[in-house]
Amino acid sequence: MLDVSGSMAGTKIGQLNHAIREALPFMRDSADENPHAAVEVRAMTFGTGARWMTPNPVPLADFSWTDVTINGITDMGAALKLMAQELSVGRMPDRGLPPVLVLVSDGQPTDDFVSGLNALLAEPWGRRAVRIAIGIGDDADLDVLRRFIDHQEIEPLEVHNAGDLVQFIKYVSTVVLKSASAPASQPADSTLNGTPPPPPPPPPTTVDDDQVW
C-alpha cells in the first residue's frame, strides 16, 4: 500500500520504485524456499483516492513492477477501506495463511483514517494480517502507523535516506514473507482464530547510502 501523494515527489518516489524493483528477486527467492505456499501479490497506491495497480492477485513469479507517479493528497483511509473489501471472507480463499500488508507513507492522512482502519480490522482476515509500516522522512505520522500495525512488539520502520528505503523494502518483502509463509497451509477457520502471528525479526540497522531527504 504505497503513498504517492505530492510530498513523495522527486527523490522519494524514484527511490521507492527502485527499491521495489530491487526487492522482487529477493521475494521470489524467499517464496521458493517454501514450495508448499502459493504466494500472490497485489499493489495499491493512494494519493487523491486509492486504486489497485493489479486488478487481481498475481502469482509472485508472474508479478512485474510498473513505476508509480505522484497524485495529490494522502487518502490513507480510502486505501484501508479498499483493502478491507478485498480481505472480506467471501473474497479470500478457503485455505490460506495470514496476508502480509505493507503500508508505506511519508506524511499524515488527509481523509478519515479511523473509519478506514476500523473497516480493515472489522474483517477477520484484516485482523489476522501481519501489518508492517514504513515511515519515510521526518514528517511521517508514526502514531498513525503504529495504530495500523496494532502490535506492541512491532514499531514502524523509519526511513531517512535512500539506502534505508531499499533495505527496508527488501526486509519486509523477504523476512516478513518468509516468516508468514513458514507454517504449512491450514484451513481458513483456524487461520482466522487464535492468537496473532509472532512479530517478525528486527530489521537491519545499517545502510550503505547516506543520501538524506
N, C-alpha and C. Protein backbone atom coordinates (compact mmCIF):
# COMPACT_ATOMS: atom_id res chain seq x y z
N MET A 1 0.87 -1.17 0.00
CA MET A 1 0.00 0.00 0.00
C MET A 1 0.91 1.22 0.00
N LEU A 2 0.97 1.92 -1.13
CA LEU A 2 2.02 2.90 -1.35
C LEU A 2 1.47 4.32 -1.44
N ASP A 3 2.01 5.19 -0.61
CA ASP A 3 1.67 6.62 -0.63
C ASP A 3 2.32 7.26 -1.84
N VAL A 4 1.49 7.82 -2.74
CA VAL A 4 2.03 8.52 -3.91
C VAL A 4 1.56 9.98 -3.90
N SER A 5 1.32 10.54 -2.72
CA SER A 5 0.88 11.93 -2.61
C SER A 5 2.00 12.87 -3.04
N GLY A 6 1.65 14.15 -3.17
CA GLY A 6 2.60 15.13 -3.71
C GLY A 6 3.89 15.24 -2.94
N SER A 7 3.87 14.97 -1.62
CA SER A 7 5.09 15.08 -0.83
C SER A 7 6.11 14.00 -1.17
N MET A 8 5.70 12.99 -1.93
CA MET A 8 6.63 11.92 -2.35
C MET A 8 7.36 12.28 -3.64
N ALA A 9 7.13 13.48 -4.17
CA ALA A 9 7.73 13.88 -5.44
C ALA A 9 9.26 13.90 -5.35
N GLY A 10 9.88 13.70 -6.50
CA GLY A 10 11.34 13.80 -6.58
C GLY A 10 12.04 12.52 -6.16
N THR A 11 13.03 12.67 -5.28
CA THR A 11 13.88 11.55 -4.89
C THR A 11 13.09 10.42 -4.26
N LYS A 12 12.10 10.74 -3.43
CA LYS A 12 11.38 9.69 -2.70
C LYS A 12 10.68 8.72 -3.64
N ILE A 13 9.91 9.23 -4.60
CA ILE A 13 9.16 8.34 -5.47
C ILE A 13 10.10 7.55 -6.36
N GLY A 14 11.19 8.17 -6.79
CA GLY A 14 12.17 7.45 -7.60
C GLY A 14 12.81 6.31 -6.83
N GLN A 15 13.17 6.56 -5.59
CA GLN A 15 13.79 5.53 -4.78
C GLN A 15 12.79 4.44 -4.40
N LEU A 16 11.51 4.80 -4.22
CA LEU A 16 10.50 3.79 -3.94
C LEU A 16 10.38 2.82 -5.12
N ASN A 17 10.30 3.35 -6.32
CA ASN A 17 10.23 2.49 -7.50
C ASN A 17 11.46 1.60 -7.60
N HIS A 18 12.63 2.20 -7.38
CA HIS A 18 13.89 1.44 -7.44
C HIS A 18 13.91 0.34 -6.39
N ALA A 19 13.47 0.66 -5.16
CA ALA A 19 13.53 -0.31 -4.07
C ALA A 19 12.64 -1.52 -4.35
N ILE A 20 11.46 -1.29 -4.88
CA ILE A 20 10.56 -2.42 -5.15
C ILE A 20 11.11 -3.28 -6.28
N ARG A 21 11.64 -2.66 -7.32
CA ARG A 21 12.25 -3.45 -8.38
C ARG A 21 13.41 -4.30 -7.84
N GLU A 22 14.22 -3.70 -6.95
CA GLU A 22 15.36 -4.42 -6.38
C GLU A 22 14.89 -5.57 -5.47
N ALA A 23 13.74 -5.41 -4.84
CA ALA A 23 13.27 -6.40 -3.87
C ALA A 23 12.66 -7.63 -4.53
N LEU A 24 12.15 -7.51 -5.74
CA LEU A 24 11.40 -8.61 -6.35
C LEU A 24 12.19 -9.92 -6.43
N PRO A 25 13.46 -9.91 -6.86
CA PRO A 25 14.19 -11.19 -6.89
C PRO A 25 14.33 -11.81 -5.50
N PHE A 26 14.51 -10.98 -4.48
CA PHE A 26 14.63 -11.50 -3.12
C PHE A 26 13.30 -12.09 -2.66
N MET A 27 12.19 -11.47 -3.04
CA MET A 27 10.88 -12.02 -2.71
C MET A 27 10.71 -13.40 -3.33
N ARG A 28 11.09 -13.53 -4.59
CA ARG A 28 10.92 -14.82 -5.27
C ARG A 28 11.79 -15.89 -4.62
N ASP A 29 13.01 -15.52 -4.25
CA ASP A 29 13.89 -16.49 -3.58
C ASP A 29 13.28 -16.96 -2.26
N SER A 30 12.71 -16.03 -1.49
CA SER A 30 12.09 -16.39 -0.22
C SER A 30 10.90 -17.31 -0.42
N ALA A 31 10.09 -17.01 -1.42
CA ALA A 31 8.92 -17.85 -1.69
C ALA A 31 9.34 -19.23 -2.16
N ASP A 32 10.43 -19.32 -2.92
CA ASP A 32 10.89 -20.61 -3.42
C ASP A 32 11.33 -21.53 -2.29
N GLU A 33 11.71 -20.95 -1.14
CA GLU A 33 12.15 -21.77 -0.02
C GLU A 33 10.98 -22.50 0.65
N ASN A 34 9.77 -22.11 0.35
CA ASN A 34 8.60 -22.81 0.88
C ASN A 34 7.65 -23.13 -0.27
N PRO A 35 7.91 -24.22 -0.99
CA PRO A 35 7.09 -24.54 -2.16
C PRO A 35 5.66 -24.94 -1.81
N HIS A 36 5.37 -25.15 -0.52
CA HIS A 36 4.01 -25.55 -0.11
C HIS A 36 3.07 -24.35 -0.03
N ALA A 37 3.60 -23.14 -0.07
CA ALA A 37 2.75 -21.94 -0.02
C ALA A 37 2.77 -21.25 -1.38
N ALA A 38 1.59 -21.02 -1.94
CA ALA A 38 1.47 -20.28 -3.19
C ALA A 38 1.34 -18.80 -2.86
N VAL A 39 2.36 -18.03 -3.19
CA VAL A 39 2.41 -16.61 -2.82
C VAL A 39 1.89 -15.76 -3.97
N GLU A 40 0.91 -14.90 -3.63
CA GLU A 40 0.37 -13.97 -4.61
C GLU A 40 0.57 -12.54 -4.11
N VAL A 41 0.65 -11.60 -5.04
CA VAL A 41 1.00 -10.21 -4.72
C VAL A 41 -0.02 -9.28 -5.37
N ARG A 42 -0.33 -8.20 -4.63
CA ARG A 42 -1.08 -7.09 -5.22
C ARG A 42 -0.43 -5.80 -4.75
N ALA A 43 -0.53 -4.76 -5.57
CA ALA A 43 0.00 -3.45 -5.21
C ALA A 43 -1.12 -2.41 -5.32
N MET A 44 -1.16 -1.52 -4.31
CA MET A 44 -2.14 -0.45 -4.27
C MET A 44 -1.42 0.87 -4.08
N THR A 45 -1.90 1.91 -4.73
CA THR A 45 -1.40 3.25 -4.48
C THR A 45 -2.52 4.11 -3.90
N PHE A 46 -2.12 5.09 -3.09
CA PHE A 46 -3.11 6.05 -2.61
C PHE A 46 -2.50 7.45 -2.61
N GLY A 47 -3.25 8.36 -3.15
CA GLY A 47 -2.91 9.77 -3.18
C GLY A 47 -4.25 10.48 -3.04
N THR A 48 -4.74 11.08 -4.14
CA THR A 48 -6.12 11.52 -4.17
C THR A 48 -6.96 10.31 -4.56
N GLY A 49 -7.54 9.66 -3.56
CA GLY A 49 -8.19 8.38 -3.77
C GLY A 49 -7.19 7.23 -3.68
N ALA A 50 -7.69 6.02 -3.86
CA ALA A 50 -6.86 4.82 -3.81
C ALA A 50 -7.24 3.91 -4.96
N ARG A 51 -6.27 3.19 -5.49
CA ARG A 51 -6.58 2.28 -6.59
C ARG A 51 -5.63 1.09 -6.57
N TRP A 52 -6.11 -0.03 -7.05
CA TRP A 52 -5.26 -1.20 -7.22
C TRP A 52 -4.47 -1.07 -8.52
N MET A 53 -3.18 -1.27 -8.46
CA MET A 53 -2.36 -1.35 -9.67
C MET A 53 -2.58 -2.68 -10.37
N THR A 54 -2.86 -3.72 -9.58
CA THR A 54 -3.12 -5.05 -10.11
C THR A 54 -4.57 -5.39 -9.79
N PRO A 55 -5.43 -5.54 -10.80
CA PRO A 55 -6.85 -5.79 -10.54
C PRO A 55 -7.11 -7.04 -9.71
N ASN A 56 -6.25 -8.05 -9.86
CA ASN A 56 -6.41 -9.31 -9.15
C ASN A 56 -5.06 -9.75 -8.60
N PRO A 57 -5.07 -10.63 -7.59
CA PRO A 57 -3.79 -11.15 -7.09
C PRO A 57 -3.01 -11.83 -8.20
N VAL A 58 -1.71 -11.63 -8.19
CA VAL A 58 -0.83 -12.16 -9.23
C VAL A 58 0.18 -13.10 -8.58
N PRO A 59 0.37 -14.31 -9.13
CA PRO A 59 1.43 -15.17 -8.60
C PRO A 59 2.76 -14.43 -8.60
N LEU A 60 3.51 -14.58 -7.52
CA LEU A 60 4.75 -13.83 -7.38
C LEU A 60 5.67 -14.02 -8.57
N ALA A 61 5.72 -15.22 -9.11
CA ALA A 61 6.61 -15.49 -10.25
C ALA A 61 6.23 -14.67 -11.47
N ASP A 62 4.96 -14.25 -11.57
CA ASP A 62 4.48 -13.51 -12.74
C ASP A 62 4.37 -12.01 -12.49
N PHE A 63 4.66 -11.58 -11.26
CA PHE A 63 4.46 -10.18 -10.91
C PHE A 63 5.60 -9.33 -11.46
N SER A 64 5.26 -8.24 -12.13
CA SER A 64 6.26 -7.28 -12.62
C SER A 64 5.88 -5.90 -12.13
N TRP A 65 6.88 -5.05 -11.99
CA TRP A 65 6.64 -3.73 -11.40
C TRP A 65 6.52 -2.66 -12.47
N THR A 66 5.49 -1.81 -12.35
CA THR A 66 5.33 -0.63 -13.17
C THR A 66 5.51 0.59 -12.28
N ASP A 67 6.42 1.48 -12.65
CA ASP A 67 6.73 2.62 -11.79
C ASP A 67 5.49 3.45 -11.50
N VAL A 68 5.39 3.91 -10.24
CA VAL A 68 4.27 4.74 -9.82
C VAL A 68 4.64 6.21 -9.95
N THR A 69 3.63 7.06 -10.04
CA THR A 69 3.83 8.50 -10.18
C THR A 69 3.01 9.23 -9.11
N ILE A 70 3.25 10.52 -8.98
CA ILE A 70 2.64 11.34 -7.92
C ILE A 70 1.18 11.66 -8.25
N ASN A 71 0.36 11.72 -7.17
CA ASN A 71 -1.06 12.00 -7.38
C ASN A 71 -1.69 12.60 -6.13
N GLY A 72 -1.54 13.91 -5.91
CA GLY A 72 -2.36 14.65 -4.97
C GLY A 72 -2.10 14.49 -3.49
N ILE A 73 -3.18 14.23 -2.73
CA ILE A 73 -3.15 14.27 -1.27
C ILE A 73 -2.94 12.85 -0.70
N THR A 74 -3.26 12.65 0.60
CA THR A 74 -2.91 11.37 1.25
C THR A 74 -4.18 10.70 1.77
N ASP A 75 -4.93 10.06 0.87
CA ASP A 75 -6.18 9.40 1.24
C ASP A 75 -5.89 7.99 1.77
N MET A 76 -5.27 7.93 2.95
CA MET A 76 -4.92 6.65 3.55
C MET A 76 -6.16 5.89 4.02
N GLY A 77 -7.14 6.61 4.54
CA GLY A 77 -8.37 5.95 4.96
C GLY A 77 -9.06 5.25 3.80
N ALA A 78 -9.08 5.89 2.63
CA ALA A 78 -9.67 5.26 1.44
C ALA A 78 -8.92 4.00 1.06
N ALA A 79 -7.59 4.02 1.22
CA ALA A 79 -6.79 2.84 0.91
C ALA A 79 -7.12 1.69 1.84
N LEU A 80 -7.30 1.98 3.12
CA LEU A 80 -7.63 0.92 4.08
C LEU A 80 -9.01 0.33 3.80
N LYS A 81 -9.97 1.17 3.41
CA LYS A 81 -11.30 0.66 3.07
C LYS A 81 -11.24 -0.22 1.82
N LEU A 82 -10.45 0.20 0.85
CA LEU A 82 -10.30 -0.61 -0.37
C LEU A 82 -9.67 -1.95 -0.04
N MET A 83 -8.68 -1.96 0.85
CA MET A 83 -8.06 -3.21 1.27
C MET A 83 -9.06 -4.08 2.01
N ALA A 84 -9.87 -3.48 2.88
CA ALA A 84 -10.85 -4.23 3.65
C ALA A 84 -11.81 -4.99 2.73
N GLN A 85 -12.21 -4.35 1.63
CA GLN A 85 -13.13 -5.01 0.69
C GLN A 85 -12.52 -6.30 0.15
N GLU A 86 -11.23 -6.26 -0.14
CA GLU A 86 -10.57 -7.43 -0.73
C GLU A 86 -10.26 -8.50 0.30
N LEU A 87 -10.24 -8.14 1.59
CA LEU A 87 -9.96 -9.12 2.63
C LEU A 87 -11.23 -9.67 3.26
N SER A 88 -12.38 -9.39 2.68
CA SER A 88 -13.63 -9.96 3.19
C SER A 88 -13.59 -11.47 2.99
N VAL A 89 -14.27 -12.18 3.88
CA VAL A 89 -14.22 -13.65 3.86
C VAL A 89 -14.66 -14.20 2.52
N GLY A 90 -15.65 -13.59 1.90
CA GLY A 90 -16.15 -14.09 0.63
C GLY A 90 -15.16 -13.99 -0.52
N ARG A 91 -14.18 -13.09 -0.40
CA ARG A 91 -13.21 -12.91 -1.49
C ARG A 91 -11.88 -13.61 -1.24
N MET A 92 -11.68 -14.10 -0.04
CA MET A 92 -10.43 -14.77 0.29
C MET A 92 -10.57 -16.27 0.08
N PRO A 93 -9.43 -16.98 -0.11
CA PRO A 93 -9.50 -18.43 -0.33
C PRO A 93 -9.97 -19.17 0.91
N ASP A 94 -10.50 -20.38 0.69
CA ASP A 94 -10.96 -21.20 1.81
C ASP A 94 -9.80 -21.60 2.72
N ARG A 95 -8.65 -21.82 2.12
CA ARG A 95 -7.45 -22.16 2.89
C ARG A 95 -6.41 -21.09 2.62
N GLY A 96 -5.71 -20.66 3.67
CA GLY A 96 -4.71 -19.63 3.42
C GLY A 96 -3.96 -19.26 4.67
N LEU A 97 -2.85 -18.62 4.45
CA LEU A 97 -2.01 -18.08 5.51
C LEU A 97 -2.36 -16.62 5.72
N PRO A 98 -2.03 -16.05 6.88
CA PRO A 98 -2.33 -14.63 7.10
C PRO A 98 -1.68 -13.76 6.03
N PRO A 99 -2.43 -12.84 5.43
CA PRO A 99 -1.81 -11.94 4.46
C PRO A 99 -0.83 -11.00 5.14
N VAL A 100 0.14 -10.53 4.38
CA VAL A 100 1.10 -9.54 4.86
C VAL A 100 0.76 -8.21 4.20
N LEU A 101 0.45 -7.20 5.00
CA LEU A 101 0.12 -5.87 4.49
C LEU A 101 1.27 -4.94 4.82
N VAL A 102 1.82 -4.29 3.81
CA VAL A 102 2.93 -3.35 3.99
C VAL A 102 2.45 -1.96 3.58
N LEU A 103 2.42 -1.04 4.54
CA LEU A 103 1.96 0.33 4.31
C LEU A 103 3.18 1.24 4.28
N VAL A 104 3.34 1.99 3.19
CA VAL A 104 4.47 2.92 3.03
C VAL A 104 3.93 4.33 2.89
N SER A 105 4.36 5.25 3.78
CA SER A 105 3.84 6.62 3.72
C SER A 105 4.89 7.60 4.23
N ASP A 106 4.84 8.83 3.71
CA ASP A 106 5.79 9.86 4.17
C ASP A 106 5.07 11.02 4.86
N GLY A 107 3.77 10.87 5.13
CA GLY A 107 3.05 12.01 5.67
C GLY A 107 1.92 11.62 6.60
N GLN A 108 0.91 12.47 6.66
CA GLN A 108 -0.25 12.27 7.52
C GLN A 108 -1.50 12.09 6.66
N PRO A 109 -2.45 11.25 7.10
CA PRO A 109 -3.68 11.08 6.33
C PRO A 109 -4.43 12.40 6.18
N THR A 110 -5.02 12.61 5.02
CA THR A 110 -5.83 13.81 4.79
C THR A 110 -7.31 13.48 4.74
N ASP A 111 -7.66 12.19 4.94
CA ASP A 111 -9.07 11.81 4.98
C ASP A 111 -9.35 11.11 6.31
N ASP A 112 -10.42 10.35 6.38
CA ASP A 112 -10.84 9.72 7.63
C ASP A 112 -10.10 8.40 7.82
N PHE A 113 -8.92 8.48 8.40
CA PHE A 113 -8.09 7.30 8.65
C PHE A 113 -8.79 6.32 9.60
N VAL A 114 -9.43 6.83 10.64
CA VAL A 114 -10.00 5.97 11.68
C VAL A 114 -11.08 5.05 11.11
N SER A 115 -11.99 5.59 10.28
CA SER A 115 -13.03 4.75 9.72
C SER A 115 -12.44 3.71 8.76
N GLY A 116 -11.37 4.09 8.06
CA GLY A 116 -10.71 3.12 7.19
C GLY A 116 -10.07 1.99 7.97
N LEU A 117 -9.39 2.34 9.07
CA LEU A 117 -8.76 1.32 9.91
C LEU A 117 -9.82 0.43 10.54
N ASN A 118 -10.91 1.02 11.01
CA ASN A 118 -11.97 0.21 11.60
C ASN A 118 -12.55 -0.78 10.59
N ALA A 119 -12.69 -0.34 9.35
CA ALA A 119 -13.21 -1.24 8.31
C ALA A 119 -12.26 -2.40 8.08
N LEU A 120 -10.96 -2.11 8.07
CA LEU A 120 -9.98 -3.17 7.87
C LEU A 120 -10.01 -4.17 9.02
N LEU A 121 -10.00 -3.67 10.25
CA LEU A 121 -9.95 -4.55 11.41
C LEU A 121 -11.27 -5.26 11.66
N ALA A 122 -12.35 -4.81 11.04
CA ALA A 122 -13.63 -5.50 11.17
C ALA A 122 -13.66 -6.80 10.38
N GLU A 123 -12.74 -6.92 9.41
CA GLU A 123 -12.65 -8.15 8.62
C GLU A 123 -11.73 -9.14 9.32
N PRO A 124 -12.15 -10.41 9.50
CA PRO A 124 -11.28 -11.39 10.16
C PRO A 124 -9.89 -11.49 9.53
N TRP A 125 -9.83 -11.46 8.19
CA TRP A 125 -8.53 -11.53 7.53
C TRP A 125 -7.73 -10.26 7.77
N GLY A 126 -8.39 -9.13 7.93
CA GLY A 126 -7.68 -7.89 8.24
C GLY A 126 -7.07 -7.93 9.63
N ARG A 127 -7.82 -8.48 10.60
CA ARG A 127 -7.29 -8.59 11.96
C ARG A 127 -6.10 -9.55 12.02
N ARG A 128 -6.18 -10.64 11.25
CA ARG A 128 -5.12 -11.66 11.32
C ARG A 128 -3.91 -11.29 10.48
N ALA A 129 -4.02 -10.29 9.64
CA ALA A 129 -2.90 -9.94 8.75
C ALA A 129 -1.67 -9.52 9.55
N VAL A 130 -0.50 -9.84 9.00
CA VAL A 130 0.76 -9.29 9.51
C VAL A 130 0.87 -7.89 8.91
N ARG A 131 0.78 -6.87 9.76
CA ARG A 131 0.75 -5.48 9.28
C ARG A 131 2.06 -4.78 9.62
N ILE A 132 2.75 -4.34 8.58
CA ILE A 132 4.05 -3.68 8.70
C ILE A 132 3.95 -2.29 8.08
N ALA A 133 4.62 -1.31 8.66
CA ALA A 133 4.56 0.06 8.13
C ALA A 133 5.96 0.64 8.00
N ILE A 134 6.17 1.38 6.93
CA ILE A 134 7.42 2.10 6.69
C ILE A 134 7.10 3.59 6.61
N GLY A 135 7.68 4.37 7.51
CA GLY A 135 7.50 5.81 7.51
C GLY A 135 8.71 6.49 6.88
N ILE A 136 8.47 7.26 5.83
CA ILE A 136 9.55 7.90 5.08
C ILE A 136 9.71 9.35 5.51
N GLY A 137 10.89 9.72 6.00
CA GLY A 137 11.18 11.11 6.32
C GLY A 137 10.67 11.54 7.68
N ASP A 138 10.97 12.80 8.02
CA ASP A 138 10.64 13.33 9.35
C ASP A 138 9.17 13.66 9.51
N ASP A 139 8.41 13.78 8.41
CA ASP A 139 7.00 14.17 8.50
C ASP A 139 6.05 12.99 8.61
N ALA A 140 6.56 11.77 8.49
CA ALA A 140 5.67 10.60 8.58
C ALA A 140 5.00 10.55 9.94
N ASP A 141 3.71 10.29 9.96
CA ASP A 141 2.94 10.23 11.21
C ASP A 141 3.11 8.83 11.82
N LEU A 142 4.09 8.69 12.70
CA LEU A 142 4.39 7.38 13.27
C LEU A 142 3.28 6.87 14.16
N ASP A 143 2.54 7.78 14.82
CA ASP A 143 1.43 7.34 15.65
C ASP A 143 0.35 6.66 14.81
N VAL A 144 0.06 7.24 13.65
CA VAL A 144 -0.90 6.62 12.74
C VAL A 144 -0.40 5.26 12.28
N LEU A 145 0.88 5.17 11.96
CA LEU A 145 1.44 3.89 11.51
C LEU A 145 1.40 2.85 12.62
N ARG A 146 1.62 3.29 13.86
CA ARG A 146 1.53 2.35 14.99
C ARG A 146 0.10 1.83 15.13
N ARG A 147 -0.88 2.69 14.93
CA ARG A 147 -2.27 2.25 15.03
C ARG A 147 -2.59 1.24 13.93
N PHE A 148 -2.03 1.44 12.76
CA PHE A 148 -2.22 0.48 11.68
C PHE A 148 -1.62 -0.87 12.06
N ILE A 149 -0.40 -0.87 12.60
CA ILE A 149 0.27 -2.12 12.96
C ILE A 149 -0.47 -2.83 14.09
N ASP A 150 -0.82 -2.07 15.14
CA ASP A 150 -1.59 -2.60 16.28
C ASP A 150 -0.94 -3.85 16.88
N HIS A 151 0.35 -3.76 17.14
CA HIS A 151 1.09 -4.86 17.76
C HIS A 151 2.17 -4.25 18.64
N GLN A 152 2.13 -4.57 19.94
CA GLN A 152 3.02 -3.90 20.88
C GLN A 152 4.49 -4.21 20.65
N GLU A 153 4.79 -5.28 19.94
CA GLU A 153 6.19 -5.65 19.71
C GLU A 153 6.72 -5.18 18.36
N ILE A 154 5.90 -4.53 17.56
CA ILE A 154 6.34 -4.10 16.23
C ILE A 154 6.22 -2.59 16.12
N GLU A 155 7.31 -1.92 15.77
CA GLU A 155 7.34 -0.48 15.55
C GLU A 155 7.42 -0.19 14.05
N PRO A 156 6.94 0.98 13.62
CA PRO A 156 7.16 1.36 12.22
C PRO A 156 8.66 1.44 11.91
N LEU A 157 9.01 1.11 10.69
CA LEU A 157 10.38 1.26 10.23
C LEU A 157 10.55 2.70 9.77
N GLU A 158 11.53 3.40 10.30
CA GLU A 158 11.74 4.82 9.98
C GLU A 158 12.83 4.96 8.94
N VAL A 159 12.49 5.60 7.84
CA VAL A 159 13.39 5.76 6.70
C VAL A 159 13.79 7.23 6.58
N HIS A 160 15.08 7.50 6.55
CA HIS A 160 15.56 8.88 6.44
C HIS A 160 16.52 9.08 5.27
N ASN A 161 16.82 8.03 4.54
CA ASN A 161 17.68 8.17 3.37
C ASN A 161 17.37 7.05 2.39
N ALA A 162 17.90 7.18 1.18
CA ALA A 162 17.58 6.24 0.11
C ALA A 162 18.03 4.82 0.45
N GLY A 163 19.17 4.69 1.11
CA GLY A 163 19.66 3.37 1.47
C GLY A 163 18.73 2.65 2.43
N ASP A 164 18.20 3.39 3.40
CA ASP A 164 17.22 2.81 4.33
C ASP A 164 16.05 2.20 3.56
N LEU A 165 15.53 2.97 2.62
CA LEU A 165 14.32 2.55 1.91
C LEU A 165 14.56 1.25 1.15
N VAL A 166 15.67 1.17 0.43
CA VAL A 166 15.96 -0.04 -0.33
C VAL A 166 16.08 -1.23 0.63
N GLN A 167 16.81 -1.07 1.73
CA GLN A 167 16.99 -2.19 2.66
C GLN A 167 15.68 -2.59 3.32
N PHE A 168 14.85 -1.61 3.70
CA PHE A 168 13.64 -1.96 4.41
C PHE A 168 12.59 -2.57 3.48
N ILE A 169 12.52 -2.11 2.23
CA ILE A 169 11.62 -2.76 1.28
C ILE A 169 12.04 -4.21 1.08
N LYS A 170 13.34 -4.46 0.97
CA LYS A 170 13.82 -5.84 0.86
C LYS A 170 13.46 -6.62 2.11
N TYR A 171 13.62 -5.98 3.27
CA TYR A 171 13.34 -6.65 4.54
C TYR A 171 11.89 -7.09 4.63
N VAL A 172 10.96 -6.15 4.40
CA VAL A 172 9.55 -6.52 4.55
C VAL A 172 9.10 -7.47 3.45
N SER A 173 9.81 -7.48 2.33
CA SER A 173 9.42 -8.33 1.21
C SER A 173 10.01 -9.73 1.30
N THR A 174 10.96 -9.94 2.18
CA THR A 174 11.62 -11.25 2.25
C THR A 174 11.48 -11.86 3.64
N VAL A 175 12.00 -11.18 4.67
CA VAL A 175 11.95 -11.75 6.01
C VAL A 175 10.51 -11.91 6.48
N VAL A 176 9.70 -10.89 6.26
CA VAL A 176 8.30 -10.97 6.68
C VAL A 176 7.56 -12.01 5.86
N LEU A 177 7.79 -12.03 4.56
CA LEU A 177 7.17 -13.03 3.70
C LEU A 177 7.55 -14.44 4.15
N LYS A 178 8.82 -14.62 4.46
CA LYS A 178 9.30 -15.94 4.87
C LYS A 178 8.67 -16.36 6.19
N SER A 179 8.60 -15.42 7.14
CA SER A 179 8.06 -15.77 8.44
C SER A 179 6.56 -16.02 8.37
N ALA A 180 5.85 -15.33 7.48
CA ALA A 180 4.41 -15.52 7.35
C ALA A 180 4.07 -16.81 6.62
N SER A 181 4.95 -17.27 5.73
CA SER A 181 4.63 -18.44 4.92
C SER A 181 5.31 -19.71 5.42
N ALA A 182 5.99 -19.63 6.56
CA ALA A 182 6.74 -20.78 7.05
C ALA A 182 5.87 -21.96 7.44
N PRO A 183 4.72 -21.76 8.14
CA PRO A 183 3.93 -22.93 8.52
C PRO A 183 3.24 -23.56 7.32
N ALA A 184 2.84 -24.81 7.47
CA ALA A 184 2.05 -25.45 6.43
C ALA A 184 0.70 -24.76 6.35
N SER A 185 0.07 -24.80 5.16
CA SER A 185 -1.23 -24.16 4.98
C SER A 185 -2.25 -24.83 5.89
N GLN A 186 -3.21 -24.04 6.33
CA GLN A 186 -4.21 -24.54 7.27
C GLN A 186 -5.57 -24.02 6.87
N PRO A 187 -6.65 -24.66 7.36
CA PRO A 187 -7.99 -24.21 7.00
C PRO A 187 -8.23 -22.78 7.43
N ALA A 188 -9.12 -22.11 6.73
CA ALA A 188 -9.37 -20.69 7.00
C ALA A 188 -9.86 -20.46 8.41
N ASP A 189 -10.71 -21.41 8.96
CA ASP A 189 -11.24 -21.14 10.28
C ASP A 189 -10.16 -21.15 11.34
N SER A 190 -9.13 -22.00 11.18
CA SER A 190 -8.04 -21.99 12.15
C SER A 190 -7.11 -20.81 11.92
N THR A 191 -7.04 -20.34 10.68
CA THR A 191 -6.21 -19.18 10.39
C THR A 191 -6.81 -17.91 10.99
N LEU A 192 -8.12 -17.83 11.01
CA LEU A 192 -8.78 -16.59 11.40
C LEU A 192 -8.99 -16.48 12.90
N ASN A 193 -8.76 -17.55 13.63
CA ASN A 193 -8.97 -17.53 15.07
C ASN A 193 -7.66 -17.73 15.80
N GLY A 194 -7.68 -17.52 17.10
CA GLY A 194 -6.49 -17.73 17.89
C GLY A 194 -5.64 -16.49 18.00
N THR A 195 -4.41 -16.67 18.47
CA THR A 195 -3.52 -15.55 18.72
C THR A 195 -2.93 -15.01 17.43
N PRO A 196 -2.53 -13.74 17.41
CA PRO A 196 -1.91 -13.16 16.22
C PRO A 196 -0.58 -13.84 15.93
N PRO A 197 -0.10 -13.76 14.67
CA PRO A 197 1.19 -14.33 14.35
C PRO A 197 2.29 -13.61 15.11
N PRO A 198 3.43 -14.30 15.37
CA PRO A 198 4.51 -13.65 16.11
C PRO A 198 5.11 -12.51 15.31
N PRO A 199 5.74 -11.55 15.98
CA PRO A 199 6.36 -10.43 15.26
C PRO A 199 7.53 -10.92 14.43
N PRO A 200 7.84 -10.24 13.33
CA PRO A 200 8.99 -10.62 12.52
C PRO A 200 10.28 -10.26 13.22
N PRO A 201 11.40 -10.83 12.77
CA PRO A 201 12.69 -10.45 13.34
C PRO A 201 12.96 -8.97 13.12
N PRO A 202 13.86 -8.37 13.91
CA PRO A 202 14.16 -6.95 13.75
C PRO A 202 14.78 -6.65 12.40
N PRO A 203 14.56 -5.44 11.88
CA PRO A 203 15.09 -5.07 10.57
C PRO A 203 16.57 -4.75 10.66
N PRO A 204 17.23 -4.63 9.50
CA PRO A 204 18.63 -4.21 9.51
C PRO A 204 18.76 -2.80 10.06
N THR A 205 19.91 -2.52 10.64
CA THR A 205 20.11 -1.21 11.28
C THR A 205 21.18 -0.38 10.59
N THR A 206 21.83 -0.90 9.58
CA THR A 206 22.87 -0.14 8.88
C THR A 206 22.53 -0.03 7.41
N VAL A 207 22.98 1.03 6.79
CA VAL A 207 22.76 1.26 5.37
C VAL A 207 24.04 1.70 4.72
N ASP A 208 24.07 1.56 3.38
CA ASP A 208 25.27 1.94 2.63
C ASP A 208 25.12 3.28 1.93
N ASP A 209 23.90 3.81 1.89
CA ASP A 209 23.64 5.05 1.16
C ASP A 209 23.31 6.15 2.14
N ASP A 210 24.05 7.25 2.12
CA ASP A 210 23.83 8.32 3.11
C ASP A 210 23.07 9.50 2.52
N GLN A 211 22.40 9.28 1.39
CA GLN A 211 21.63 10.36 0.80
C GLN A 211 20.41 10.65 1.68
N VAL A 212 20.33 11.84 2.25
CA VAL A 212 19.26 12.19 3.18
C VAL A 212 18.21 13.01 2.45
N TRP A 213 16.91 12.75 2.72
CA TRP A 213 15.85 13.54 2.10
C TRP A 213 15.61 14.80 2.87
